[in-house]
Amino acid sequence: MGGHLDNLLVADALPTQPVDLVEAHVLPPGRRVQAHRDTDQAEADRSRPNRTRHSLIIALAPPYHSQEDVGILERALVESTIPAQDLDRARTFYAEKLGLAPASEERIGIRYRLANGTRFRLFRSGGKASGAHTQMALMVEDLLAAVQELRSRGVKFEEYDSPGLKTTDGIADVGYARAAWFKDSEGNLIGISQPSG
């Protein structure tokens, strides 16, 4: 059909006995799936009167965006840039406390690669981070396990107790996710979270 197989929606139940299926043609997104009986189907039905017939509809969902629908920035990879007054100190923190090894190092900074093409860079900066807002968020599958592992490496998690944000043992429920925050060696506030649900 020339469609996107990764967008195939599979029927959640199939009959337990042999059936004849109706041939279906899938039209472009926004159009209806049309089905018709084979030209020889009437004769086949007469020869097998007790055979159950079901029409199985398989819908192809359009991709979230087609290449024509997205702007140039929607196709871009994101690279966070995190300031470091002391790159050697930051490199040590990210290696020893977070278990991250640099993917590359240049004169102005250190690049790290994470899952699915995501990456961030520590860059040499004369400025100091305020630590008042999240500068990078890392999405994990198991927040509790991540917090426990990082604590075992000596990472200290922030505690908050305000009307909009309250942590219990370093972890807050923010509605769409459970999250925790820590500061790196340069004072940057880094968040880690696990989506709810």
Protein backbone atom coordinates (compact mmCIF):
# COMPACT_ATOMS: atom_id res chain seq x y z
CA MET A 1 0.00 0.00 0.00
CA GLY A 2 3.00 2.26 0.27
CA GLY A 3 1.94 3.47 3.73
CA HIS A 4 3.81 3.77 7.01
CA LEU A 5 3.75 0.32 8.63
CA ASP A 6 4.70 1.81 11.97
CA ASN A 7 1.37 3.62 11.94
CA LEU A 8 -0.67 0.44 11.47
CA LEU A 9 -3.54 0.06 13.91
CA VAL A 10 -4.21 -3.65 14.50
CA ALA A 11 -7.65 -5.03 15.27
CA ASP A 12 -7.97 -6.07 18.91
CA ALA A 13 -9.91 -9.25 18.27
CA LEU A 14 -10.18 -11.83 15.52
CA PRO A 15 -12.80 -14.57 15.02
CA THR A 16 -11.89 -18.05 16.27
CA GLN A 17 -13.26 -19.86 13.19
CA PRO A 18 -12.23 -19.56 9.54
CA VAL A 19 -13.73 -16.51 7.88
CA ASP A 20 -13.70 -14.75 4.55
CA LEU A 21 -12.39 -11.23 4.67
CA VAL A 22 -13.54 -8.35 2.55
CA GLU A 23 -10.82 -6.76 0.46
CA ALA A 24 -10.13 -3.21 1.59
CA HIS A 25 -8.52 -0.27 -0.12
CA VAL A 26 -6.89 2.35 2.05
CA LEU A 27 -7.20 5.84 0.70
CA PRO A 28 -5.15 8.93 1.68
CA PRO A 29 -5.47 10.30 5.24
CA GLY A 30 -8.78 12.01 5.87
CA ARG A 31 -10.62 9.76 3.43
CA ARG A 32 -12.71 6.74 4.41
CA VAL A 33 -11.61 3.14 4.10
CA GLN A 34 -13.70 1.60 1.33
CA ALA A 35 -14.41 -2.10 1.07
CA HIS A 36 -15.97 -4.18 -1.66
CA ARG A 37 -16.70 -7.82 -2.30
CA ASP A 38 -14.67 -9.76 -4.78
CA THR A 39 -16.47 -10.26 -8.12
CA ASP A 40 -16.45 -14.01 -7.58
CA GLN A 41 -17.56 -13.76 -3.96
CA ALA A 42 -21.25 -14.36 -4.65
CA GLU A 43 -20.47 -17.77 -6.13
CA ALA A 44 -18.13 -18.57 -3.21
CA ASP A 45 -20.87 -17.63 -0.74
CA ARG A 46 -23.35 -20.01 -2.42
CA SER A 47 -20.86 -22.89 -2.25
CA ARG A 48 -20.18 -22.31 1.48
CA PRO A 49 -23.47 -21.08 2.99
CA ASN A 50 -22.52 -21.81 6.61
CA ARG A 51 -19.18 -20.03 6.52
CA THR A 52 -19.13 -16.85 8.58
CA ARG A 53 -18.13 -13.65 6.83
CA HIS A 54 -16.56 -10.72 8.66
CA SER A 55 -15.28 -7.46 7.38
CA LEU A 56 -11.97 -6.63 9.00
CA ILE A 57 -11.13 -2.96 8.86
CA ILE A 58 -7.53 -2.00 9.34
CA ALA A 59 -6.93 1.73 9.57
CA LEU A 60 -3.68 3.43 8.81
CA ALA A 61 -3.14 6.46 11.00
CA PRO A 62 -1.27 9.32 9.40
CA PRO A 63 2.13 10.14 10.88
CA TYR A 64 2.11 12.87 13.54
CA HIS A 65 3.64 15.16 10.93
CA SER A 66 4.46 14.56 7.31
CA GLN A 67 7.70 16.07 6.07
CA GLU A 68 5.67 18.66 4.16
CA ASP A 69 3.83 19.81 7.30
CA VAL A 70 6.78 20.61 9.54
CA GLY A 71 9.02 23.60 9.63
CA ILE A 72 12.79 23.42 9.48
CA LEU A 73 13.18 23.69 13.27
CA GLU A 74 10.72 20.86 13.94
CA ARG A 75 13.16 18.52 12.16
CA ALA A 76 16.12 19.75 14.23
CA LEU A 77 17.89 17.84 16.99
CA VAL A 78 18.03 19.57 20.36
CA GLU A 79 21.34 20.18 22.11
CA SER A 80 21.20 21.77 25.54
CA THR A 81 24.15 23.95 26.50
CA ILE A 82 25.13 24.03 30.16
CA PRO A 83 27.61 26.64 31.46
CA ALA A 84 30.67 25.57 33.42
CA GLN A 85 33.13 27.93 35.09
CA ASP A 86 35.57 25.05 35.51
CA LEU A 87 35.38 22.43 32.75
CA ASP A 88 37.76 20.02 34.49
CA ARG A 89 35.67 20.11 37.66
CA ALA A 90 32.47 19.65 35.64
CA ARG A 91 33.94 16.75 33.63
CA THR A 92 34.85 15.01 36.90
CA PHE A 93 31.36 15.56 38.36
CA TYR A 94 29.58 14.26 35.26
CA ALA A 95 31.86 11.19 35.15
CA GLU A 96 32.02 10.28 38.83
CA LYS A 97 28.60 11.39 40.05
CA LEU A 98 26.46 10.84 36.95
CA GLY A 99 28.40 8.07 35.21
CA LEU A 100 28.56 9.95 31.91
CA ALA A 101 31.53 9.82 29.54
CA PRO A 102 32.11 12.59 26.98
CA ALA A 103 31.33 11.79 23.34
CA SER A 104 33.75 14.52 22.22
CA GLU A 105 35.80 17.36 23.63
CA GLU A 106 36.66 20.66 21.99
CA ARG A 107 38.43 23.77 23.17
CA ILE A 108 35.19 25.45 24.22
CA GLY A 109 33.39 22.51 25.75
CA ILE A 110 32.50 18.87 26.23
CA ARG A 111 29.66 17.11 24.40
CA TYR A 112 27.65 14.19 25.79
CA ARG A 113 25.32 11.91 23.83
CA LEU A 114 22.31 10.23 25.44
CA ALA A 115 19.40 8.14 24.14
CA ASN A 116 17.67 8.62 20.77
CA GLY A 117 20.07 11.23 19.42
CA THR A 118 19.67 13.61 22.34
CA ARG A 119 22.77 15.43 23.54
CA PHE A 120 24.05 18.27 25.65
CA ARG A 121 27.23 20.29 25.92
CA LEU A 122 29.10 21.73 28.86
CA PHE A 123 30.68 24.97 27.68
CA ARG A 124 33.31 27.15 29.28
CA SER A 125 31.64 30.24 30.71
CA GLY A 126 32.64 33.13 32.93
CA GLY A 127 29.09 33.41 34.22
CA LYS A 128 27.63 31.45 37.10
CA ALA A 129 24.33 29.59 36.96
CA SER A 130 21.59 30.92 39.24
CA GLY A 131 20.36 27.43 40.07
CA ALA A 132 16.85 28.88 40.34
CA HIS A 133 15.35 27.07 37.36
CA THR A 134 15.77 23.75 35.57
CA GLN A 135 18.40 24.04 32.86
CA MET A 136 18.11 20.50 31.56
CA ALA A 137 15.61 17.69 32.18
CA LEU A 138 16.45 14.02 31.74
CA MET A 139 13.54 11.62 31.19
CA VAL A 140 14.07 8.19 32.76
CA GLU A 141 12.06 4.96 32.85
CA ASP A 142 12.43 4.44 36.60
CA LEU A 143 12.84 7.61 38.65
CA LEU A 144 13.22 5.90 42.01
CA ALA A 145 16.00 3.65 40.70
CA ALA A 146 17.75 6.65 39.12
CA VAL A 147 17.58 8.66 42.36
CA GLN A 148 18.90 5.72 44.37
CA GLU A 149 21.79 5.13 41.98
CA LEU A 150 22.77 8.80 41.86
CA ARG A 151 22.56 9.10 45.66
CA SER A 152 24.90 6.11 45.94
CA ARG A 153 27.36 8.12 43.82
CA GLY A 154 27.08 11.11 46.15
CA VAL A 155 24.52 13.28 44.32
CA LYS A 156 22.45 15.45 46.69
CA PHE A 157 18.84 16.05 45.68
CA GLU A 158 17.02 19.29 46.31
CA GLU A 159 14.06 19.47 48.67
CA TYR A 160 11.17 21.88 48.01
CA ASP A 161 8.19 22.82 50.15
CA SER A 162 6.11 25.53 48.52
CA PRO A 163 2.45 25.82 47.50
CA GLY A 164 3.23 24.74 43.94
CA LEU A 165 5.98 22.22 44.58
CA LYS A 166 6.60 19.80 47.43
CA THR A 167 9.12 16.98 47.46
CA THR A 168 9.10 13.89 49.63
CA ASP A 169 12.55 12.35 49.97
CA GLY A 170 13.65 14.42 46.98
CA ILE A 171 10.80 13.43 44.64
CA ALA A 172 7.79 15.55 43.65
CA ASP A 173 4.59 14.68 41.81
CA VAL A 174 4.07 17.46 39.27
CA GLY A 175 0.99 15.96 37.63
CA TYR A 176 2.32 14.89 34.26
CA ALA A 177 5.41 13.31 35.85
CA ARG A 178 7.29 12.52 39.03
CA ALA A 179 10.51 14.51 39.21
CA ALA A 180 13.63 15.21 41.23
CA TRP A 181 16.32 17.89 40.95
CA PHE A 182 19.99 18.20 41.81
CA LYS A 183 22.73 20.76 41.20
CA ASP A 184 25.89 19.89 39.35
CA SER A 185 29.36 21.07 40.34
CA GLU A 186 28.73 24.41 38.57
CA GLY A 187 25.42 25.18 40.27
CA ASN A 188 23.26 24.19 37.30
CA LEU A 189 19.88 22.78 38.32
CA ILE A 190 19.29 19.48 36.52
CA GLY A 191 15.94 17.67 36.62
CA ILE A 192 15.21 14.00 36.14
CA SER A 193 11.65 12.79 35.66
CA GLN A 194 9.47 9.82 34.88
CA PRO A 195 6.24 10.47 32.97
CA SER A 196 3.04 9.58 34.83
CA GLY A 197 0.90 6.72 33.64
